[in-house]
N, C-alpha and C. Protein backbone atom coordinates (compact mmCIF):
# COMPACT_ATOMS: atom_id res chain seq x y z
N MET A 1 109.73 82.24 153.83
CA MET A 1 108.65 83.41 152.87
C MET A 1 109.13 84.59 152.85
N ARG A 2 110.38 84.94 152.79
CA ARG A 2 110.99 86.14 151.97
C ARG A 2 111.21 85.85 150.88
N PRO A 3 112.06 84.93 150.51
CA PRO A 3 111.94 84.44 148.77
C PRO A 3 110.93 84.52 148.13
N PHE A 4 109.57 83.87 148.47
CA PHE A 4 108.26 83.87 148.44
C PHE A 4 107.75 85.24 147.68
N LEU A 5 107.90 86.03 149.21
CA LEU A 5 107.59 87.44 148.59
C LEU A 5 108.11 88.25 148.19
N PHE A 6 109.45 88.24 147.75
CA PHE A 6 110.24 88.90 146.88
C PHE A 6 109.51 88.38 145.04
N LEU A 7 109.00 86.98 145.39
CA LEU A 7 109.07 86.66 143.84
C LEU A 7 107.95 86.96 143.76
N LEU A 8 106.67 87.57 144.41
CA LEU A 8 105.54 87.73 144.50
C LEU A 8 105.34 89.48 144.00
N ILE A 9 106.43 89.76 144.91
CA ILE A 9 106.28 91.53 144.36
C ILE A 9 107.33 91.69 142.90
N GLY A 10 108.10 90.64 142.60
CA GLY A 10 108.68 90.88 141.11
C GLY A 10 107.59 90.47 140.15
N LEU A 11 106.58 89.35 140.20
CA LEU A 11 105.54 88.88 139.48
C LEU A 11 104.16 90.08 139.59
N LEU A 12 104.40 90.77 140.59
CA LEU A 12 103.22 92.33 140.57
C LEU A 12 103.94 93.18 139.62
N ILE A 13 105.08 93.16 139.60
CA ILE A 13 105.79 94.51 138.47
C ILE A 13 105.51 94.06 137.78
N CYS A 14 106.09 92.89 137.26
CA CYS A 14 106.37 92.54 135.67
C CYS A 14 104.71 92.64 135.12
N ALA A 15 103.82 92.17 135.78
CA ALA A 15 102.16 92.19 135.63
C ALA A 15 101.60 93.65 135.54
N THR A 16 102.37 94.56 136.29
CA THR A 16 101.96 95.98 136.01
C THR A 16 102.98 96.70 134.34
N LEU A 17 103.98 96.47 134.90
CA LEU A 17 104.44 96.93 133.87
C LEU A 17 104.37 96.71 132.20
N GLY A 18 103.94 95.34 132.59
CA GLY A 18 103.29 94.97 130.86
C GLY A 18 101.57 95.30 130.82
N LEU A 19 100.78 95.36 132.22
CA LEU A 19 99.39 96.53 131.63
C LEU A 19 99.96 97.73 131.01
N HIS A 20 101.04 98.61 131.54
CA HIS A 20 101.12 100.06 130.78
C HIS A 20 101.47 99.71 129.63
N ALA A 21 102.61 99.13 129.31
CA ALA A 21 103.29 98.91 127.97
C ALA A 21 101.83 98.56 127.15
N GLY A 22 100.99 97.34 127.62
CA GLY A 22 99.85 97.50 125.98
C GLY A 22 98.90 98.44 126.52
N GLU A 23 98.72 99.03 127.23
CA GLU A 23 97.53 100.59 127.35
C GLU A 23 98.71 101.39 126.48
N LYS A 24 99.82 101.40 126.50
CA LYS A 24 100.54 102.62 125.66
C LYS A 24 100.68 102.32 124.13
N ASN A 25 101.19 100.88 123.84
CA ASN A 25 100.68 100.03 122.41
C ASN A 25 99.75 100.59 121.97
N GLY A 26 98.60 100.29 122.95
CA GLY A 26 96.87 100.52 122.34
C GLY A 26 96.54 102.30 122.11
N GLN A 27 97.65 103.32 122.44
CA GLN A 27 97.25 104.65 122.31
C GLN A 27 97.15 105.12 121.08
N SER A 28 98.36 104.51 120.51
CA SER A 28 98.84 105.37 119.76
C SER A 28 98.16 104.37 117.85
N VAL A 29 97.45 105.23 117.21
CA VAL A 29 97.11 104.63 115.70
C VAL A 29 98.30 105.58 114.88
N ALA A 30 98.38 104.47 114.05
CA ALA A 30 99.23 104.98 112.74
C ALA A 30 98.62 105.51 111.63
N LEU A 31 98.70 105.90 110.78
CA LEU A 31 97.69 106.60 110.06
C LEU A 31 98.52 106.32 108.36
N LEU A 32 98.29 105.59 107.63
CA LEU A 32 99.02 105.03 106.35
C LEU A 32 98.35 105.40 105.64
N PHE A 33 98.95 106.34 104.58
CA PHE A 33 98.79 106.68 102.71
C PHE A 33 99.62 105.98 102.29
N ARG A 34 98.52 105.16 100.68
CA ARG A 34 99.26 104.42 100.20
C ARG A 34 98.53 104.93 98.56
N PRO A 35 99.92 105.83 97.71
CA PRO A 35 99.08 106.08 96.55
C PRO A 35 99.26 105.42 95.61
N LEU A 36 98.17 105.04 94.90
CA LEU A 36 97.51 104.21 94.11
C LEU A 36 97.35 104.51 92.39
N TYR A 37 97.34 103.71 91.59
CA TYR A 37 97.36 104.09 89.83
C TYR A 37 96.29 103.07 89.62
N TYR A 38 95.02 103.03 89.53
CA TYR A 38 94.08 101.99 89.36
C TYR A 38 94.20 100.64 90.15
N GLY A 39 94.49 101.30 91.52
CA GLY A 39 94.66 100.16 92.62
C GLY A 39 96.24 99.55 92.88
N LYS A 40 96.69 100.09 91.74
CA LYS A 40 98.40 99.39 92.41
C LYS A 40 99.46 100.33 92.59
N GLU A 41 99.94 100.11 93.60
CA GLU A 41 100.83 100.70 94.58
C GLU A 41 101.82 101.07 93.75
N LEU A 42 101.61 102.38 94.11
CA LEU A 42 102.79 103.18 93.61
C LEU A 42 104.80 102.96 93.69
N SER A 43 105.54 103.05 92.76
CA SER A 43 106.94 102.38 94.19
C SER A 43 108.01 103.77 93.31
N ASP A 44 108.92 104.00 94.16
CA ASP A 44 109.82 104.38 93.09
C ASP A 44 111.16 103.86 92.44
N ASN A 45 110.97 102.51 91.95
CA ASN A 45 111.77 101.75 91.46
C ASN A 45 111.70 101.73 89.99
N SER A 46 110.66 102.73 89.17
CA SER A 46 110.58 102.52 87.69
C SER A 46 110.85 103.52 86.94
N GLY A 47 112.42 103.48 86.65
CA GLY A 47 113.21 104.39 86.32
C GLY A 47 113.23 106.05 86.70
N GLY A 48 112.84 106.05 87.88
CA GLY A 48 113.24 107.56 88.57
C GLY A 48 111.46 107.81 88.62
N SER A 49 110.95 107.21 88.11
CA SER A 49 109.43 107.79 88.08
C SER A 49 108.49 106.99 89.53
N LEU A 50 107.09 107.34 89.53
CA LEU A 50 106.50 106.33 90.83
C LEU A 50 105.45 105.53 89.70
N PHE A 51 105.46 105.58 88.64
CA PHE A 51 104.70 105.05 87.73
C PHE A 51 105.04 105.05 86.13
N VAL A 52 105.07 103.96 85.58
CA VAL A 52 105.42 104.27 84.02
C VAL A 52 105.03 103.31 83.30
N SER A 53 104.42 103.73 81.91
CA SER A 53 103.75 103.37 81.00
C SER A 53 104.12 103.54 79.73
N GLY A 54 104.86 102.53 79.02
CA GLY A 54 106.03 102.57 78.18
C GLY A 54 106.05 104.17 77.87
N ASP A 55 106.17 104.72 77.00
CA ASP A 55 106.65 106.23 76.53
C ASP A 55 105.87 107.18 76.62
N THR A 56 104.55 106.98 76.66
CA THR A 56 103.20 107.21 76.77
C THR A 56 102.73 108.16 78.11
N PHE A 57 103.46 107.86 79.45
CA PHE A 57 102.60 107.96 80.14
C PHE A 57 103.23 107.80 81.54
N SER A 58 103.36 108.71 82.52
CA SER A 58 103.95 108.24 83.66
C SER A 58 103.95 109.61 84.87
N ILE A 59 103.70 108.98 86.27
CA ILE A 59 103.77 109.49 87.59
C ILE A 59 105.06 110.31 87.72
N ASP A 60 105.95 111.11 88.34
CA ASP A 60 106.93 111.63 88.49
C ASP A 60 106.85 111.58 89.91
N GLN A 61 105.62 112.14 90.50
CA GLN A 61 105.50 113.40 91.66
C GLN A 61 104.54 113.35 92.51
N ILE A 62 104.07 113.33 93.47
CA ILE A 62 102.60 112.89 93.67
C ILE A 62 103.17 113.97 95.75
N ARG A 63 102.92 114.86 95.90
CA ARG A 63 102.91 115.97 97.07
C ARG A 63 101.72 116.75 97.28
N PHE A 64 101.16 116.57 98.94
CA PHE A 64 100.18 117.22 99.35
C PHE A 64 100.32 117.52 100.80
N TYR A 65 99.22 118.53 100.80
CA TYR A 65 99.49 118.71 102.73
C TYR A 65 98.00 118.43 102.85
N CYS A 66 98.47 117.20 104.24
CA CYS A 66 97.08 116.93 105.10
C CYS A 66 96.80 117.90 106.36
N SER A 67 95.81 118.66 106.85
CA SER A 67 95.64 119.53 107.29
C SER A 67 94.94 118.77 108.63
N ASP A 68 94.65 119.28 109.79
CA ASP A 68 93.82 119.55 110.80
C ASP A 68 93.12 117.84 111.22
N ILE A 69 93.86 117.14 111.07
CA ILE A 69 93.47 115.75 111.04
C ILE A 69 92.75 115.26 112.40
N SER A 70 91.56 114.83 112.26
CA SER A 70 90.54 114.51 113.66
C SER A 70 89.56 113.21 113.39
N LEU A 71 89.46 112.82 114.39
CA LEU A 71 88.46 111.72 114.67
C LEU A 71 87.24 111.76 115.19
N LEU A 72 86.24 111.08 114.88
CA LEU A 72 84.74 111.58 115.20
C LEU A 72 84.29 110.53 115.22
N ASN A 73 83.39 110.73 116.46
CA ASN A 73 82.72 109.29 116.86
C ASN A 73 80.88 109.60 116.17
N GLY A 74 80.02 109.66 114.95
CA GLY A 74 79.35 110.47 114.78
C GLY A 74 79.62 111.88 114.43
N THR A 75 78.89 112.25 114.90
CA THR A 75 79.47 113.77 114.57
C THR A 75 80.20 114.87 115.44
N GLU A 76 80.80 114.05 116.75
CA GLU A 76 81.56 114.57 117.51
C GLU A 76 82.98 113.96 117.79
N VAL A 77 83.72 114.98 117.33
CA VAL A 77 85.43 114.88 117.73
C VAL A 77 85.91 114.58 118.56
N VAL A 78 86.14 113.22 119.12
CA VAL A 78 87.09 112.78 119.90
C VAL A 78 88.14 112.55 119.84
N TRP A 79 88.94 113.13 118.48
CA TRP A 79 90.39 113.38 119.18
C TRP A 79 90.99 114.03 117.73
N GLN A 80 92.21 115.07 117.76
CA GLN A 80 92.74 116.36 117.53
C GLN A 80 94.09 115.82 117.07
N ASP A 81 94.76 116.31 115.80
CA ASP A 81 96.33 116.45 115.94
C ASP A 81 96.81 117.41 116.44
N LYS A 82 97.56 117.44 117.42
CA LYS A 82 98.39 118.58 117.47
C LYS A 82 99.26 119.52 116.89
N THR A 83 99.71 119.01 115.83
CA THR A 83 100.45 119.00 114.42
C THR A 83 99.49 119.61 113.57
N LYS A 84 99.66 121.10 113.02
CA LYS A 84 98.64 121.87 112.07
C LYS A 84 98.52 120.59 110.92
N CYS A 85 100.19 120.43 110.19
CA CYS A 85 99.95 120.26 108.70
C CYS A 85 101.43 119.27 108.76
N HIS A 86 100.65 118.71 107.91
CA HIS A 86 101.90 117.06 107.38
C HIS A 86 102.24 117.77 106.45
N LEU A 87 103.40 117.33 105.14
CA LEU A 87 103.37 117.39 104.25
C LEU A 87 104.08 116.17 103.70
N LEU A 88 103.12 115.37 102.81
CA LEU A 88 103.34 113.92 102.41
C LEU A 88 103.54 113.76 100.79
N ASP A 89 104.79 113.09 100.75
CA ASP A 89 105.43 113.05 99.21
C ASP A 89 105.45 111.22 99.58
N ALA A 90 105.03 111.02 98.11
CA ALA A 90 105.02 109.74 97.27
C ALA A 90 106.55 109.44 97.55
N ARG A 91 107.23 109.92 97.23
CA ARG A 91 108.65 109.42 97.04
C ARG A 91 109.70 109.13 98.45
N ASN A 92 108.59 109.58 99.83
CA ASN A 92 109.53 109.55 101.05
C ASN A 92 108.51 108.92 102.35
N ALA A 93 108.63 107.84 101.95
CA ALA A 93 107.78 106.51 102.99
C ALA A 93 107.53 107.03 103.64
N ALA A 94 108.85 107.52 104.77
CA ALA A 94 108.38 108.07 106.47
C ALA A 94 107.70 109.00 106.29
N SER A 95 107.28 110.21 105.36
CA SER A 95 106.22 110.76 105.43
C SER A 95 104.95 110.34 105.04
N LEU A 96 104.43 109.12 104.60
CA LEU A 96 103.39 108.71 104.45
C LEU A 96 102.87 107.97 105.64
N LYS A 97 102.59 108.15 106.70
CA LYS A 97 103.15 107.50 107.98
C LYS A 97 102.81 108.65 109.33
N ILE A 98 101.41 109.15 109.30
CA ILE A 98 101.55 109.70 110.89
C ILE A 98 101.04 109.06 112.02
N ASP A 99 101.51 109.04 113.03
CA ASP A 99 101.41 109.48 113.96
C ASP A 99 99.88 109.78 114.73
N LEU A 100 99.09 108.82 115.27
CA LEU A 100 98.21 109.39 116.12
C LEU A 100 97.64 109.49 117.39
N PRO A 101 98.57 109.97 118.38
CA PRO A 101 98.86 109.87 119.85
C PRO A 101 97.79 109.82 120.45
N ALA A 102 97.47 108.43 121.12
CA ALA A 102 96.51 108.45 122.36
C ALA A 102 95.08 108.21 121.55
N ALA A 103 94.89 108.46 120.34
CA ALA A 103 93.58 107.78 119.60
C ALA A 103 92.90 106.76 120.03
N GLY A 104 94.13 105.32 120.09
CA GLY A 104 93.25 104.42 120.37
C GLY A 104 92.60 104.10 121.29
N ARG A 105 92.55 104.94 122.46
CA ARG A 105 91.40 105.33 123.74
C ARG A 105 90.00 105.89 123.23
N GLN A 106 90.03 106.43 122.08
CA GLN A 106 88.79 106.74 121.60
C GLN A 106 88.16 105.59 120.67
N HIS A 107 86.98 105.44 121.09
CA HIS A 107 85.90 104.88 119.70
C HIS A 107 85.79 106.27 118.83
N PHE A 108 86.04 105.93 117.33
CA PHE A 108 85.46 106.91 116.01
C PHE A 108 85.31 106.23 114.73
N THR A 109 84.59 106.68 114.41
CA THR A 109 83.63 105.88 113.36
C THR A 109 84.14 106.99 111.87
N SER A 110 84.87 107.79 111.91
CA SER A 110 85.10 108.87 110.67
C SER A 110 86.58 109.14 111.11
N LEU A 111 87.08 109.44 110.12
CA LEU A 111 88.84 110.49 109.96
C LEU A 111 88.36 111.24 108.84
N ARG A 112 89.01 112.59 109.23
CA ARG A 112 88.52 113.91 108.75
C ARG A 112 89.69 114.82 108.47
N PHE A 113 89.95 115.26 107.65
CA PHE A 113 91.03 116.24 107.63
C PHE A 113 90.98 117.38 105.96
N ASN A 114 91.82 118.09 105.80
CA ASN A 114 91.46 119.14 105.08
C ASN A 114 92.81 118.56 104.19
N LEU A 115 92.59 118.85 103.13
CA LEU A 115 93.41 118.61 101.69
C LEU A 115 94.05 120.01 101.42
N GLY A 116 95.30 120.24 102.10
CA GLY A 116 95.44 121.24 101.80
C GLY A 116 95.83 122.31 102.74
N ILE A 117 96.19 124.08 102.65
CA ILE A 117 96.14 125.14 103.64
C ILE A 117 95.36 126.03 104.13
N ASP A 118 94.57 126.28 105.13
CA ASP A 118 93.71 127.05 105.90
C ASP A 118 94.11 128.61 105.45
N SER A 119 93.37 129.39 104.72
CA SER A 119 93.67 130.53 104.59
C SER A 119 94.31 131.82 106.02
N ILE A 120 94.09 131.45 107.09
CA ILE A 120 94.95 131.81 107.75
C ILE A 120 96.29 131.48 107.91
N THR A 121 96.42 130.16 108.05
CA THR A 121 97.55 129.38 107.43
C THR A 121 98.64 130.14 106.37
N ASN A 122 98.45 130.34 105.39
CA ASN A 122 98.54 131.09 104.32
C ASN A 122 98.77 132.89 104.60
N VAL A 123 98.62 133.25 105.37
CA VAL A 123 98.51 134.65 105.63
C VAL A 123 99.33 134.70 106.84
N SER A 124 100.09 133.88 107.05
CA SER A 124 100.62 133.88 108.47
C SER A 124 102.59 134.24 108.54
N GLY A 125 102.50 134.23 106.73
CA GLY A 125 104.16 134.62 106.79
C GLY A 125 104.91 133.62 106.79
N VAL A 126 106.10 133.29 106.79
CA VAL A 126 107.18 132.82 106.73
C VAL A 126 107.36 131.72 107.76
N LEU A 127 106.75 130.69 107.47
CA LEU A 127 106.78 129.03 108.39
C LEU A 127 107.74 128.21 108.06
N GLY A 128 107.93 127.76 109.50
CA GLY A 128 109.04 126.18 109.08
C GLY A 128 108.18 125.17 109.76
N GLY A 129 109.30 124.03 109.03
CA GLY A 129 108.61 123.03 109.32
C GLY A 129 108.08 122.00 108.19
N ASP A 130 107.17 121.50 107.81
CA ASP A 130 106.90 120.89 106.73
C ASP A 130 106.33 122.52 105.56
N LEU A 131 106.07 123.91 106.48
CA LEU A 131 105.59 124.63 106.10
C LEU A 131 106.85 125.70 105.79
N ASP A 132 107.71 125.33 105.59
CA ASP A 132 108.83 125.87 105.28
C ASP A 132 108.95 126.32 103.75
N PRO A 133 108.62 127.66 102.96
CA PRO A 133 108.85 127.75 101.77
C PRO A 133 110.08 126.83 100.84
N ALA A 134 110.94 126.39 101.38
CA ALA A 134 112.02 125.65 101.17
C ALA A 134 111.91 124.45 100.58
N LYS A 135 110.69 124.23 101.40
CA LYS A 135 110.08 122.27 100.60
C LYS A 135 109.32 122.96 99.19
N GLY A 136 109.09 123.71 98.46
CA GLY A 136 109.04 124.20 97.32
C GLY A 136 106.98 123.68 97.53
N MET A 137 106.60 124.06 98.02
CA MET A 137 105.55 124.04 98.15
C MET A 137 104.23 125.38 98.52
N TYR A 138 105.22 126.58 98.28
CA TYR A 138 104.93 127.75 98.33
C TYR A 138 105.23 128.90 97.09
N TRP A 139 104.42 129.61 96.64
CA TRP A 139 104.21 130.31 95.21
C TRP A 139 104.64 131.71 96.01
N ALA A 140 104.02 132.27 96.62
CA ALA A 140 104.40 133.69 97.15
C ALA A 140 103.24 134.06 97.75
N TRP A 141 103.61 135.17 98.51
CA TRP A 141 102.16 135.55 99.68
C TRP A 141 101.44 136.22 99.04
N GLN A 142 101.23 136.49 97.57
CA GLN A 142 100.11 136.49 96.98
C GLN A 142 98.86 135.34 97.01
N SER A 143 99.95 134.13 96.34
CA SER A 143 99.21 133.29 96.28
C SER A 143 99.14 132.03 97.00
N GLY A 144 100.54 131.85 97.90
CA GLY A 144 100.08 130.96 98.96
C GLY A 144 100.99 130.11 98.62
N TYR A 145 100.60 128.64 99.26
CA TYR A 145 100.66 127.66 99.61
C TYR A 145 100.44 126.45 97.97
N ILE A 146 100.85 125.92 97.91
CA ILE A 146 100.18 124.96 97.01
C ILE A 146 99.88 123.60 97.41
N ASN A 147 98.43 123.46 97.62
CA ASN A 147 97.81 122.26 98.22
C ASN A 147 98.34 120.97 98.02
N MET A 148 98.61 120.65 96.31
CA MET A 148 98.96 119.66 95.78
C MET A 148 99.72 119.57 94.74
N LYS A 149 100.77 118.90 94.62
CA LYS A 149 101.42 118.92 93.31
C LYS A 149 101.20 117.44 92.70
N ILE A 150 101.01 117.32 91.53
CA ILE A 150 100.70 115.94 90.94
C ILE A 150 101.85 116.59 89.02
N GLU A 151 102.63 115.63 89.26
CA GLU A 151 103.67 115.87 87.34
C GLU A 151 103.54 114.63 87.04
N GLY A 152 104.31 114.81 85.65
CA GLY A 152 104.74 113.51 84.93
C GLY A 152 104.90 113.54 83.40
N VAL A 153 104.37 112.71 82.38
CA VAL A 153 104.53 112.79 81.25
C VAL A 153 103.32 112.40 80.54
N CYS A 154 102.63 113.23 79.91
CA CYS A 154 101.49 112.38 79.06
C CYS A 154 101.90 112.77 78.01
N SER A 155 101.99 111.97 76.87
CA SER A 155 102.48 112.36 75.33
C SER A 155 100.98 113.03 74.54
N LYS A 156 100.15 112.84 75.46
CA LYS A 156 98.65 113.86 74.94
C LYS A 156 98.54 114.98 75.18
N CYS A 157 99.85 115.68 76.05
CA CYS A 157 99.57 117.23 76.62
C CYS A 157 101.49 117.64 75.94
N GLU A 158 101.11 119.03 75.55
CA GLU A 158 102.16 120.11 74.48
C GLU A 158 103.67 119.63 75.72
N GLY A 159 104.38 119.64 74.70
CA GLY A 159 105.92 119.50 75.52
C GLY A 159 105.75 117.81 76.21
N ARG A 160 104.80 117.07 76.20
CA ARG A 160 104.35 115.30 76.85
C ARG A 160 105.12 116.14 78.04
N LYS A 161 104.39 117.28 78.56
CA LYS A 161 103.96 117.03 80.47
C LYS A 161 103.37 117.42 81.29
N TYR A 162 102.88 116.58 82.51
CA TYR A 162 101.36 117.60 82.82
C TYR A 162 102.04 118.34 84.49
N ARG A 163 102.01 119.30 84.93
CA ARG A 163 101.96 119.81 85.94
C ARG A 163 100.69 120.20 86.46
N LEU A 164 100.52 119.65 87.78
CA LEU A 164 98.95 120.33 88.15
C LEU A 164 99.46 120.61 89.47
N HIS A 165 99.25 121.98 89.59
CA HIS A 165 99.76 122.40 90.85
C HIS A 165 98.99 123.22 91.68
N LEU A 166 98.04 122.55 92.57
CA LEU A 166 96.77 122.79 92.94
C LEU A 166 96.73 123.86 94.72
N GLY A 167 96.41 125.03 94.67
CA GLY A 167 96.71 125.90 95.50
C GLY A 167 95.71 127.24 95.61
N GLY A 168 95.78 128.06 96.34
CA GLY A 168 94.76 129.21 96.06
C GLY A 168 94.43 129.54 97.27
N TYR A 169 93.96 130.33 97.99
CA TYR A 169 93.56 130.14 99.89
C TYR A 169 92.65 131.59 99.38
N ALA A 170 92.61 132.51 98.71
CA ALA A 170 91.64 133.63 98.75
C ALA A 170 90.25 133.76 97.56
N GLY A 171 89.14 133.66 98.86
CA GLY A 171 87.52 133.69 97.75
C GLY A 171 87.39 133.10 96.97
N GLU A 172 87.02 133.17 95.95
CA GLU A 172 86.49 131.97 94.70
C GLU A 172 87.47 131.47 94.53
N ASN A 173 88.97 131.56 94.91
CA ASN A 173 90.21 130.82 94.66
C ASN A 173 90.44 129.77 95.72
N ALA A 174 89.54 129.64 96.18
CA ALA A 174 89.67 128.69 97.80
C ALA A 174 89.96 127.34 97.08
N THR A 175 90.85 126.68 97.60
CA THR A 175 91.20 125.30 96.89
C THR A 175 90.88 124.44 98.22
N ILE A 176 91.39 124.47 99.34
CA ILE A 176 91.48 123.95 100.39
C ILE A 176 90.11 122.86 100.46
N GLN A 177 90.51 121.37 100.69
CA GLN A 177 88.93 120.64 100.78
C GLN A 177 89.17 119.63 102.10
N THR A 178 87.95 119.68 102.24
CA THR A 178 87.50 118.71 103.60
C THR A 178 87.23 117.24 103.21
N VAL A 179 87.80 116.53 103.70
CA VAL A 179 88.13 114.96 103.56
C VAL A 179 87.21 114.50 104.42
N CYS A 180 86.31 113.66 104.66
CA CYS A 180 85.74 112.67 105.62
C CYS A 180 85.27 111.35 104.81
N ILE A 181 86.04 110.36 105.49
CA ILE A 181 86.51 108.87 105.50
C ILE A 181 85.96 108.33 106.81
N PRO A 182 84.66 107.45 105.87
CA PRO A 182 84.17 106.14 107.42
C PRO A 182 84.95 105.48 107.10
N ILE A 183 85.33 104.94 109.08
CA ILE A 183 86.24 104.12 109.35
C ILE A 183 85.40 102.84 110.04
N GLN A 184 85.66 101.73 109.36
CA GLN A 184 85.02 100.50 109.19
C GLN A 184 85.01 99.87 110.37
N THR A 185 86.28 100.04 111.06
CA THR A 185 87.12 99.29 112.30
C THR A 185 88.12 99.86 112.65
N ASN A 186 87.89 100.20 114.52
CA ASN A 186 89.05 101.07 114.98
C ASN A 186 90.43 99.98 115.54
N ASP A 187 91.54 100.13 114.70
CA ASP A 187 92.63 99.09 114.78
C ASP A 187 93.68 100.16 114.92
N HIS A 188 94.91 99.21 115.21
CA HIS A 188 95.88 100.14 115.34
C HIS A 188 96.51 100.95 113.91
N GLU A 189 95.89 100.49 112.96
CA GLU A 189 96.31 100.92 111.76
C GLU A 189 95.13 101.62 111.16
N ILE A 190 94.88 102.72 110.18
CA ILE A 190 94.24 103.15 109.24
C ILE A 190 94.90 103.41 107.98
N VAL A 191 94.74 102.80 106.74
CA VAL A 191 95.39 102.80 105.63
C VAL A 191 94.29 103.17 104.67
N ILE A 192 94.89 104.24 104.41
CA ILE A 192 94.35 105.12 103.43
C ILE A 192 94.70 105.39 101.60
N GLY A 193 93.98 104.75 100.65
CA GLY A 193 94.35 104.67 99.39
C GLY A 193 94.30 106.00 98.79
N ILE A 194 94.94 106.19 97.74
CA ILE A 194 94.83 107.65 97.21
C ILE A 194 95.00 107.01 95.79
N GLU A 195 93.81 107.16 95.28
CA GLU A 195 93.60 106.60 93.90
C GLU A 195 94.10 107.64 93.28
N THR A 196 95.32 107.87 92.95
CA THR A 196 95.38 109.13 91.61
C THR A 196 94.65 108.86 90.16
N ALA A 197 94.16 108.03 89.70
CA ALA A 197 93.66 107.89 88.23
C ALA A 197 92.31 108.79 88.92
N THR A 198 91.57 108.70 89.38
CA THR A 198 90.76 109.95 89.82
C THR A 198 90.60 111.43 89.09
N ILE A 199 92.30 111.87 89.39
CA ILE A 199 92.45 112.99 88.81
C ILE A 199 93.18 112.76 87.41
N LEU A 200 94.10 111.66 87.21
CA LEU A 200 94.86 111.87 86.14
C LEU A 200 94.03 111.44 84.81
N ASN A 201 92.89 111.19 85.18
CA ASN A 201 92.15 110.55 83.97
C ASN A 201 91.93 111.85 83.04
N GLU A 202 91.83 113.14 83.56
CA GLU A 202 91.41 114.63 83.08
C GLU A 202 92.70 114.75 82.40
N VAL A 203 94.12 114.43 82.68
CA VAL A 203 94.70 114.82 82.57
C VAL A 203 95.19 113.72 81.08
N GLN A 204 95.27 112.01 80.95
CA GLN A 204 94.93 110.92 80.20
C GLN A 204 94.02 111.48 78.86
N ASN A 205 93.46 112.26 79.07
CA ASN A 205 91.95 112.81 78.66
C ASN A 205 92.62 114.01 77.67
N GLY A 206 93.68 114.45 77.71
CA GLY A 206 94.19 116.10 77.18
C GLY A 206 93.78 116.72 77.67
N GLU A 207 92.63 117.00 78.32
CA GLU A 207 91.76 118.16 78.85
C GLU A 207 92.37 118.89 79.12
N THR A 208 93.26 118.43 81.39
CA THR A 208 93.96 119.43 81.37
C THR A 208 95.60 119.09 82.29
N CYS A 209 96.18 119.64 81.48
CA CYS A 209 97.85 119.10 81.52
C CYS A 209 98.44 120.43 82.10
N SER A 210 98.19 121.46 82.39
CA SER A 210 99.20 122.48 83.61
C SER A 210 98.20 123.37 83.93
N ILE A 211 98.21 123.43 85.47
CA ILE A 211 97.77 124.43 86.11
C ILE A 211 98.77 124.84 86.65
N MET A 212 99.21 126.03 86.87
CA MET A 212 100.56 126.37 87.70
C MET A 212 99.95 127.80 88.90
N ILE A 213 98.35 128.25 88.63
CA ILE A 213 98.37 129.12 89.65
C ILE A 213 96.90 128.90 89.65
N PRO A 214 96.72 130.18 91.17
CA PRO A 214 94.72 130.04 91.01
C PRO A 214 94.24 130.38 90.33
N GLY A 215 92.78 129.74 90.40
CA GLY A 215 91.59 129.82 89.53
C GLY A 215 90.88 129.00 89.21
N LYS A 216 90.06 129.22 88.29
CA LYS A 216 88.52 128.54 88.73
C LYS A 216 89.45 127.17 87.91
N GLN A 217 90.27 126.36 87.57
CA GLN A 217 90.78 124.78 87.18
C GLN A 217 90.99 124.32 88.55
N ALA A 218 91.93 125.37 89.12
CA ALA A 218 92.07 124.54 90.29
C ALA A 218 91.29 124.15 91.16
N VAL A 219 90.16 125.07 91.49
CA VAL A 219 89.42 124.81 92.44
C VAL A 219 88.68 123.75 91.91
N ILE A 220 88.42 123.62 90.84
CA ILE A 220 87.77 122.00 89.67
C ILE A 220 88.16 120.68 90.41
N LEU A 221 89.89 121.15 89.86
CA LEU A 221 90.38 119.88 90.28
C LEU A 221 90.96 119.20 91.77
N SER A 222 90.74 120.02 92.73
CA SER A 222 90.73 120.30 93.98
C SER A 222 89.66 119.29 94.38
N ASP A 223 88.64 119.77 94.25
CA ASP A 223 87.49 118.95 94.13
C ASP A 223 87.72 117.73 93.84
N VAL A 224 88.02 117.44 92.28
CA VAL A 224 88.33 116.02 92.25
C VAL A 224 88.80 115.40 92.94
N ALA A 225 90.86 115.31 93.43
CA ALA A 225 91.27 115.43 94.39
C ALA A 225 90.82 114.78 95.35
N ALA A 226 89.96 115.71 96.29
CA ALA A 226 88.97 115.08 97.39
C ALA A 226 88.59 114.01 97.60
N LYS A 227 88.36 113.56 96.15
CA LYS A 227 87.83 112.22 96.13
C LYS A 227 88.46 111.00 95.88
N MET A 228 90.11 111.46 95.88
CA MET A 228 90.89 110.08 95.63
C MET A 228 90.98 109.22 96.89
N PHE A 229 90.61 109.61 97.88
CA PHE A 229 91.21 108.98 99.33
C PHE A 229 89.66 108.18 100.11
N VAL A 230 90.48 106.69 100.04
CA VAL A 230 89.30 105.92 100.55
C VAL A 230 90.09 105.49 101.75
N GLN A 231 89.54 104.66 102.55
CA GLN A 231 89.89 103.32 103.49
C GLN A 231 90.06 101.88 102.80
N LEU A 232 91.21 101.47 103.21
CA LEU A 232 91.64 100.20 102.37
C LEU A 232 92.45 99.59 104.09
N LYS A 233 92.03 99.77 104.86
CA LYS A 233 91.85 99.02 105.89
C LYS A 233 91.64 99.52 107.37
């Protein structure tokens, strides 16, 4: 009788551990970003560039801040990220994955985040982590953080280079954008495409090749940049 009892207890313990493990695995949702150019995923294998088209055009750098991530069910916020800001870099695959702990417990219909840094954070002095000025995404206390950097080569631009450094937080120069994406299915992964052609069309037309300070152009292109994001899965 005793061996049977021990066997029964062992089976119950294994079942309980398995259930808890399943619950734990179901709690976390992985938010994955995929930088694209006309639907083609960018890679770091083309001679140091993320994308190359002959000697006339390339994408060499894409970096941006994703902040205040939340999940919504209808209009109700059901999950909020405890980490304020994430710096995503197309050259750093690890940075393109953000874990959303316990998000799997909730039913949600949309993902919401800010593209950029809010004004309060901009005036909060020198910060650490992804907001450390050493990351190369900070101008100065007067101008604050660069929300997004996209750089590369374009034969139509002066010096064959384009540099889009989009930032600015004060008054009419505020460039932070709220992005809200409908989520079709609740899964353990949310894959978001970043269609860079949306903004780089402006460069390839030779219309906008250099933005290095806050201003009207940065505001206009930041609005365009917010339209780059779409759910892939």
